[in-house]
Each structure stands twice: as structure tokens, then as C-alpha cells.
Amino acid sequence: RNLTYHGIDRVVYVNAHGGNVEHLR
């Protein structure tokens, strides 16, 4: 949401840890 405040409206979570997957989704 910090990024959306500056005008970003699409984000790619570049993830390299399997334990993060379901939470990022």
C-alpha cells in the first residue's frame, strides 16, 4: 500500500521461499 500511494498499481512479489507462497497469494 506504500507503493500504491506513490502510484504503483501492479506488483510482482519475486519470491524465493516456499513458506511465503500461500501468504503472498
PDB file of all heavy atoms in Angstrom:
ATOM      1  N   ARG A   1       0.833  -1.210   0.000  1.00  0.00           N
ATOM      2  CA  ARG A   1       0.000   0.000   0.000  1.00  0.00           C
ATOM      3  C   ARG A   1       0.870   1.265   0.000  1.00  0.00           C
ATOM      4  O   ARG A   1       0.450   2.298  -0.523  1.00  0.00           O
ATOM      5  CB  ARG A   1      -0.945  -0.004   1.197  1.00  0.00           C
ATOM      6  CG  ARG A   1      -2.106  -0.974   1.037  1.00  0.00           C
ATOM      7  CD  ARG A   1      -3.286  -0.583   1.931  1.00  0.00           C
ATOM      8  NE  ARG A   1      -4.479  -1.339   1.559  1.00  0.00           N
ATOM      9  CZ  ARG A   1      -4.883  -2.437   2.165  1.00  0.00           C
ATOM     10  NH1 ARG A   1      -4.191  -2.912   3.185  1.00  0.00           N
ATOM     11  NH2 ARG A   1      -5.974  -3.063   1.765  1.00  0.00           N
ATOM     12  N   ASN A   2       2.069   1.185   0.594  1.00  0.00           N
ATOM     13  CA  ASN A   2       3.006   2.305   0.456  1.00  0.00           C
ATOM     14  C   ASN A   2       3.237   2.607  -1.014  1.00  0.00           C
ATOM     15  O   ASN A   2       3.247   3.778  -1.439  1.00  0.00           O
ATOM     16  CB  ASN A   2       4.364   1.978   1.071  1.00  0.00           C
ATOM     17  CG  ASN A   2       4.362   1.737   2.558  1.00  0.00           C
ATOM     18  OD1 ASN A   2       5.365   1.289   3.090  1.00  0.00           O
ATOM     19  ND2 ASN A   2       3.281   2.011   3.245  1.00  0.00           N
ATOM     20  N   LEU A   3       3.451   1.555  -1.789  1.00  0.00           N
ATOM     21  CA  LEU A   3       3.724   1.732  -3.213  1.00  0.00           C
ATOM     22  C   LEU A   3       2.518   2.290  -3.955  1.00  0.00           C
ATOM     23  O   LEU A   3       2.667   3.139  -4.851  1.00  0.00           O
ATOM     24  CB  LEU A   3       4.163   0.396  -3.825  1.00  0.00           C
ATOM     25  CG  LEU A   3       5.485  -0.163  -3.319  1.00  0.00           C
ATOM     26  CD1 LEU A   3       5.682  -1.598  -3.807  1.00  0.00           C
ATOM     27  CD2 LEU A   3       6.656   0.710  -3.757  1.00  0.00           C
ATOM     28  N   THR A   4       1.321   1.837  -3.595  1.00  0.00           N
ATOM     29  CA  THR A   4       0.134   2.353  -4.286  1.00  0.00           C
ATOM     30  C   THR A   4      -0.053   3.840  -4.007  1.00  0.00           C
ATOM     31  O   THR A   4      -0.571   4.579  -4.850  1.00  0.00           O
ATOM     32  CB  THR A   4      -1.145   1.585  -3.887  1.00  0.00           C
ATOM     33  OG1 THR A   4      -1.455   1.814  -2.508  1.00  0.00           O
ATOM     34  CG2 THR A   4      -0.983   0.097  -4.131  1.00  0.00           C
ATOM     35  N   TYR A   5       0.365   4.292  -2.846  1.00  0.00           N
ATOM     36  CA  TYR A   5       0.278   5.720  -2.508  1.00  0.00           C
ATOM     37  C   TYR A   5       1.092   6.552  -3.500  1.00  0.00           C
ATOM     38  O   TYR A   5       0.737   7.689  -3.810  1.00  0.00           O
ATOM     39  CB  TYR A   5       0.790   5.928  -1.079  1.00  0.00           C
ATOM     40  CG  TYR A   5       0.783   7.365  -0.608  1.00  0.00           C
ATOM     41  CD1 TYR A   5      -0.393   7.970  -0.165  1.00  0.00           C
ATOM     42  CD2 TYR A   5       1.960   8.111  -0.604  1.00  0.00           C
ATOM     43  CE1 TYR A   5      -0.386   9.288   0.272  1.00  0.00           C
ATOM     44  CE2 TYR A   5       1.967   9.428  -0.169  1.00  0.00           C
ATOM     45  CZ  TYR A   5       0.797  10.019   0.272  1.00  0.00           C
ATOM     46  OH  TYR A   5       0.796  11.324   0.704  1.00  0.00           O
ATOM     47  N   HIS A   6       2.179   5.983  -4.005  1.00  0.00           N
ATOM     48  CA  HIS A   6       3.029   6.696  -4.958  1.00  0.00           C
ATOM     49  C   HIS A   6       2.626   6.453  -6.408  1.00  0.00           C
ATOM     50  O   HIS A   6       3.289   6.961  -7.326  1.00  0.00           O
ATOM     51  CB  HIS A   6       4.486   6.280  -4.767  1.00  0.00           C
ATOM     52  CG  HIS A   6       5.046   6.640  -3.433  1.00  0.00           C
ATOM     53  ND1 HIS A   6       5.200   7.944  -3.004  1.00  0.00           N
ATOM     54  CD2 HIS A   6       5.477   5.870  -2.404  1.00  0.00           C
ATOM     55  CE1 HIS A   6       5.709   7.964  -1.788  1.00  0.00           C
ATOM     56  NE2 HIS A   6       5.881   6.716  -1.400  1.00  0.00           N
ATOM     57  N   GLY A   7       1.593   5.654  -6.626  1.00  0.00           N
ATOM     58  CA  GLY A   7       1.086   5.466  -7.978  1.00  0.00           C
ATOM     59  C   GLY A   7       1.309   4.096  -8.573  1.00  0.00           C
ATOM     60  O   GLY A   7       0.891   3.828  -9.704  1.00  0.00           O
ATOM     61  N   ILE A   8       1.950   3.188  -7.831  1.00  0.00           N
ATOM     62  CA  ILE A   8       2.118   1.817  -8.312  1.00  0.00           C
ATOM     63  C   ILE A   8       0.781   1.088  -8.179  1.00  0.00           C
ATOM     64  O   ILE A   8       0.140   1.134  -7.128  1.00  0.00           O
ATOM     65  CB  ILE A   8       3.198   1.085  -7.496  1.00  0.00           C
ATOM     66  CG1 ILE A   8       4.562   1.757  -7.678  1.00  0.00           C
ATOM     67  CG2 ILE A   8       3.261  -0.394  -7.873  1.00  0.00           C
ATOM     68  CD1 ILE A   8       5.103   1.738  -9.077  1.00  0.00           C
ATOM     69  N   ASP A   9       0.357   0.400  -9.235  1.00  0.00           N
ATOM     70  CA  ASP A   9      -0.897  -0.344  -9.130  1.00  0.00           C
ATOM     71  C   ASP A   9      -0.753  -1.806  -9.534  1.00  0.00           C
ATOM     72  O   ASP A   9      -1.732  -2.549  -9.555  1.00  0.00           O
ATOM     73  CB  ASP A   9      -2.021   0.319  -9.936  1.00  0.00           C
ATOM     74  CG  ASP A   9      -1.734   0.397 -11.431  1.00  0.00           C
ATOM     75  OD1 ASP A   9      -0.864  -0.355 -11.925  1.00  0.00           O
ATOM     76  OD2 ASP A   9      -2.378   1.221 -12.104  1.00  0.00           O
ATOM     77  N   ARG A  10       0.475  -2.232  -9.835  1.00  0.00           N
ATOM     78  CA  ARG A  10       0.726  -3.643 -10.095  1.00  0.00           C
ATOM     79  C   ARG A  10       2.106  -4.001  -9.539  1.00  0.00           C
ATOM     80  O   ARG A  10       3.070  -3.244  -9.699  1.00  0.00           O
ATOM     81  CB  ARG A  10       0.575  -3.977 -11.577  1.00  0.00           C
ATOM     82  CG  ARG A  10       1.447  -3.207 -12.512  1.00  0.00           C
ATOM     83  CD  ARG A  10       0.833  -3.093 -13.899  1.00  0.00           C
ATOM     84  NE  ARG A  10      -0.227  -2.101 -13.918  1.00  0.00           N
ATOM     85  CZ  ARG A  10      -1.078  -1.926 -14.923  1.00  0.00           C
ATOM     86  NH1 ARG A  10      -1.003  -2.681 -16.006  1.00  0.00           N
ATOM     87  NH2 ARG A  10      -2.019  -1.002 -14.865  1.00  0.00           N
ATOM     88  N   VAL A  11       2.153  -5.159  -8.872  1.00  0.00           N
ATOM     89  CA  VAL A  11       3.350  -5.569  -8.138  1.00  0.00           C
ATOM     90  C   VAL A  11       3.632  -7.031  -8.426  1.00  0.00           C
ATOM     91  O   VAL A  11       2.707  -7.854  -8.460  1.00  0.00           O
ATOM     92  CB  VAL A  11       3.150  -5.363  -6.617  1.00  0.00           C
ATOM     93  CG1 VAL A  11       4.304  -5.967  -5.822  1.00  0.00           C
ATOM     94  CG2 VAL A  11       2.988  -3.877  -6.285  1.00  0.00           C
ATOM     95  N   VAL A  12       4.905  -7.343  -8.624  1.00  0.00           N
ATOM     96  CA  VAL A  12       5.336  -8.738  -8.698  1.00  0.00           C
ATOM     97  C   VAL A  12       6.129  -9.039  -7.436  1.00  0.00           C
ATOM     98  O   VAL A  12       7.173  -8.422  -7.185  1.00  0.00           O
ATOM     99  CB  VAL A  12       6.203  -9.011  -9.943  1.00  0.00           C
ATOM    100  CG1 VAL A  12       6.636 -10.475  -9.964  1.00  0.00           C
ATOM    101  CG2 VAL A  12       5.433  -8.670 -11.215  1.00  0.00           C
ATOM    102  N   TYR A  13       5.609  -9.966  -6.625  1.00  0.00           N
ATOM    103  CA  TYR A  13       6.347 -10.443  -5.465  1.00  0.00           C
ATOM    104  C   TYR A  13       7.348 -11.488  -5.959  1.00  0.00           C
ATOM    105  O   TYR A  13       6.968 -12.621  -6.285  1.00  0.00           O
ATOM    106  CB  TYR A  13       5.403 -11.066  -4.440  1.00  0.00           C
ATOM    107  CG  TYR A  13       4.409 -10.106  -3.832  1.00  0.00           C
ATOM    108  CD1 TYR A  13       3.054 -10.424  -3.777  1.00  0.00           C
ATOM    109  CD2 TYR A  13       4.828  -8.896  -3.301  1.00  0.00           C
ATOM    110  CE1 TYR A  13       2.142  -9.558  -3.211  1.00  0.00           C
ATOM    111  CE2 TYR A  13       3.913  -8.006  -2.741  1.00  0.00           C
ATOM    112  CZ  TYR A  13       2.564  -8.344  -2.693  1.00  0.00           C
ATOM    113  OH  TYR A  13       1.665  -7.477  -2.132  1.00  0.00           O
ATOM    114  N   VAL A  14       8.606 -11.105  -6.048  1.00  0.00           N
ATOM    115  CA  VAL A  14       9.655 -12.007  -6.522  1.00  0.00           C
ATOM    116  C   VAL A  14      10.100 -12.829  -5.315  1.00  0.00           C
ATOM    117  O   VAL A  14      10.889 -12.391  -4.493  1.00  0.00           O
ATOM    118  CB  VAL A  14      10.823 -11.218  -7.139  1.00  0.00           C
ATOM    119  CG1 VAL A  14      11.893 -12.175  -7.654  1.00  0.00           C
ATOM    120  CG2 VAL A  14      10.313 -10.334  -8.275  1.00  0.00           C
ATOM    121  N   ASN A  15       9.578 -14.032  -5.233  1.00  0.00           N
ATOM    122  CA  ASN A  15       9.663 -14.839  -4.019  1.00  0.00           C
ATOM    123  C   ASN A  15      10.611 -16.028  -4.230  1.00  0.00           C
ATOM    124  O   ASN A  15      10.639 -16.629  -5.294  1.00  0.00           O
ATOM    125  CB  ASN A  15       8.266 -15.358  -3.654  1.00  0.00           C
ATOM    126  CG  ASN A  15       8.278 -16.241  -2.434  1.00  0.00           C
ATOM    127  OD1 ASN A  15       8.953 -15.966  -1.447  1.00  0.00           O
ATOM    128  ND2 ASN A  15       7.527 -17.319  -2.503  1.00  0.00           N
ATOM    129  N   ALA A  16      11.384 -16.341  -3.192  1.00  0.00           N
ATOM    130  CA  ALA A  16      12.272 -17.499  -3.289  1.00  0.00           C
ATOM    131  C   ALA A  16      12.163 -18.391  -2.059  1.00  0.00           C
ATOM    132  O   ALA A  16      13.067 -19.161  -1.767  1.00  0.00           O
ATOM    133  CB  ALA A  16      13.718 -17.044  -3.485  1.00  0.00           C
ATOM    134  N   HIS A  17      11.033 -18.298  -1.340  1.00  0.00           N
ATOM    135  CA  HIS A  17      10.833 -19.137  -0.160  1.00  0.00           C
ATOM    136  C   HIS A  17       9.435 -19.756  -0.218  1.00  0.00           C
ATOM    137  O   HIS A  17       8.432 -19.040  -0.242  1.00  0.00           O
ATOM    138  CB  HIS A  17      10.983 -18.305   1.111  1.00  0.00           C
ATOM    139  CG  HIS A  17      10.629 -19.036   2.367  1.00  0.00           C
ATOM    140  ND1 HIS A  17      11.158 -20.279   2.678  1.00  0.00           N
ATOM    141  CD2 HIS A  17       9.790 -18.717   3.391  1.00  0.00           C
ATOM    142  CE1 HIS A  17      10.660 -20.685   3.837  1.00  0.00           C
ATOM    143  NE2 HIS A  17       9.836 -19.757   4.284  1.00  0.00           N
ATOM    144  N   GLY A  18       9.405 -21.087  -0.235  1.00  0.00           N
ATOM    145  CA  GLY A  18       8.125 -21.776  -0.356  1.00  0.00           C
ATOM    146  C   GLY A  18       7.153 -21.451   0.755  1.00  0.00           C
ATOM    147  O   GLY A  18       5.937 -21.426   0.543  1.00  0.00           O
ATOM    148  N   GLY A  19       7.659 -21.179   1.957  1.00  0.00           N
ATOM    149  CA  GLY A  19       6.779 -20.872   3.081  1.00  0.00           C
ATOM    150  C   GLY A  19       6.031 -19.565   2.944  1.00  0.00           C
ATOM    151  O   GLY A  19       5.057 -19.321   3.678  1.00  0.00           O
ATOM    152  N   ASN A  20       6.449 -18.724   2.008  1.00  0.00           N
ATOM    153  CA  ASN A  20       5.776 -17.439   1.797  1.00  0.00           C
ATOM    154  C   ASN A  20       4.625 -17.521   0.806  1.00  0.00           C
ATOM    155  O   ASN A  20       3.794 -16.608   0.749  1.00  0.00           O
ATOM    156  CB  ASN A  20       6.765 -16.395   1.255  1.00  0.00           C
ATOM    157  CG  ASN A  20       7.845 -16.010   2.233  1.00  0.00           C
ATOM    158  OD1 ASN A  20       7.719 -16.213   3.442  1.00  0.00           O
ATOM    159  ND2 ASN A  20       8.924 -15.436   1.724  1.00  0.00           N
ATOM    160  N   VAL A  21       4.574 -18.572   0.004  1.00  0.00           N
ATOM    161  CA  VAL A  21       3.704 -18.588  -1.178  1.00  0.00           C
ATOM    162  C   VAL A  21       2.247 -18.334  -0.825  1.00  0.00           C
ATOM    163  O   VAL A  21       1.607 -17.411  -1.357  1.00  0.00           O
ATOM    164  CB  VAL A  21       3.846 -19.917  -1.951  1.00  0.00           C
ATOM    165  CG1 VAL A  21       2.806 -19.994  -3.054  1.00  0.00           C
ATOM    166  CG2 VAL A  21       5.245 -20.049  -2.533  1.00  0.00           C
ATOM    167  N   GLU A  22       1.683 -19.145   0.052  1.00  0.00           N
ATOM    168  CA  GLU A  22       0.246 -19.015   0.327  1.00  0.00           C
ATOM    169  C   GLU A  22      -0.090 -17.673   0.945  1.00  0.00           C
ATOM    170  O   GLU A  22      -1.185 -17.128   0.730  1.00  0.00           O
ATOM    171  CB  GLU A  22      -0.224 -20.150   1.243  1.00  0.00           C
ATOM    172  CG  GLU A  22       0.405 -20.157   2.616  1.00  0.00           C
ATOM    173  CD  GLU A  22      -0.053 -21.349   3.447  1.00  0.00           C
ATOM    174  OE1 GLU A  22      -1.229 -21.383   3.835  1.00  0.00           O
ATOM    175  OE2 GLU A  22       0.782 -22.238   3.691  1.00  0.00           O
ATOM    176  N   HIS A  23       0.850 -17.098   1.685  1.00  0.00           N
ATOM    177  CA  HIS A  23       0.592 -15.818   2.348  1.00  0.00           C
ATOM    178  C   HIS A  23       0.667 -14.653   1.363  1.00  0.00           C
ATOM    179  O   HIS A  23      -0.116 -13.705   1.457  1.00  0.00           O
ATOM    180  CB  HIS A  23       1.572 -15.647   3.503  1.00  0.00           C
ATOM    181  CG  HIS A  23       1.575 -16.834   4.417  1.00  0.00           C
ATOM    182  ND1 HIS A  23       0.481 -17.163   5.199  1.00  0.00           N
ATOM    183  CD2 HIS A  23       2.489 -17.809   4.628  1.00  0.00           C
ATOM    184  CE1 HIS A  23       0.742 -18.269   5.862  1.00  0.00           C
ATOM    185  NE2 HIS A  23       1.943 -18.678   5.532  1.00  0.00           N
ATOM    186  N   LEU A  24       1.563 -14.738   0.402  1.00  0.00           N
ATOM    187  CA  LEU A  24       1.615 -13.719  -0.642  1.00  0.00           C
ATOM    188  C   LEU A  24       0.387 -13.793  -1.536  1.00  0.00           C
ATOM    189  O   LEU A  24      -0.136 -12.760  -1.977  1.00  0.00           O
ATOM    190  CB  LEU A  24       2.894 -13.887  -1.470  1.00  0.00           C
ATOM    191  CG  LEU A  24       4.198 -13.637  -0.708  1.00  0.00           C
ATOM    192  CD1 LEU A  24       5.394 -13.998  -1.582  1.00  0.00           C
ATOM    193  CD2 LEU A  24       4.292 -12.203  -0.230  1.00  0.00           C
ATOM    194  N   ARG A  25      -0.083 -14.993  -1.794  1.00  0.00           N
ATOM    195  CA  ARG A  25      -1.323 -15.133  -2.558  1.00  0.00           C
ATOM    196  C   ARG A  25      -2.501 -14.502  -1.816  1.00  0.00           C
ATOM    197  O   ARG A  25      -3.365 -13.871  -2.421  1.00  0.00           O
ATOM    198  CB  ARG A  25      -1.604 -16.609  -2.828  1.00  0.00           C
ATOM    199  CG  ARG A  25      -0.659 -17.268  -3.810  1.00  0.00           C
ATOM    200  CD  ARG A  25      -0.927 -16.837  -5.230  1.00  0.00           C
ATOM    201  NE  ARG A  25      -2.284 -17.181  -5.667  1.00  0.00           N
ATOM    202  CZ  ARG A  25      -2.847 -16.744  -6.792  1.00  0.00           C
ATOM    203  NH1 ARG A  25      -2.157 -15.940  -7.592  1.00  0.00           N
ATOM    204  NH2 ARG A  25      -4.063 -17.106  -7.129  1.00  0.00           N
TER     205      ARG A  25
END
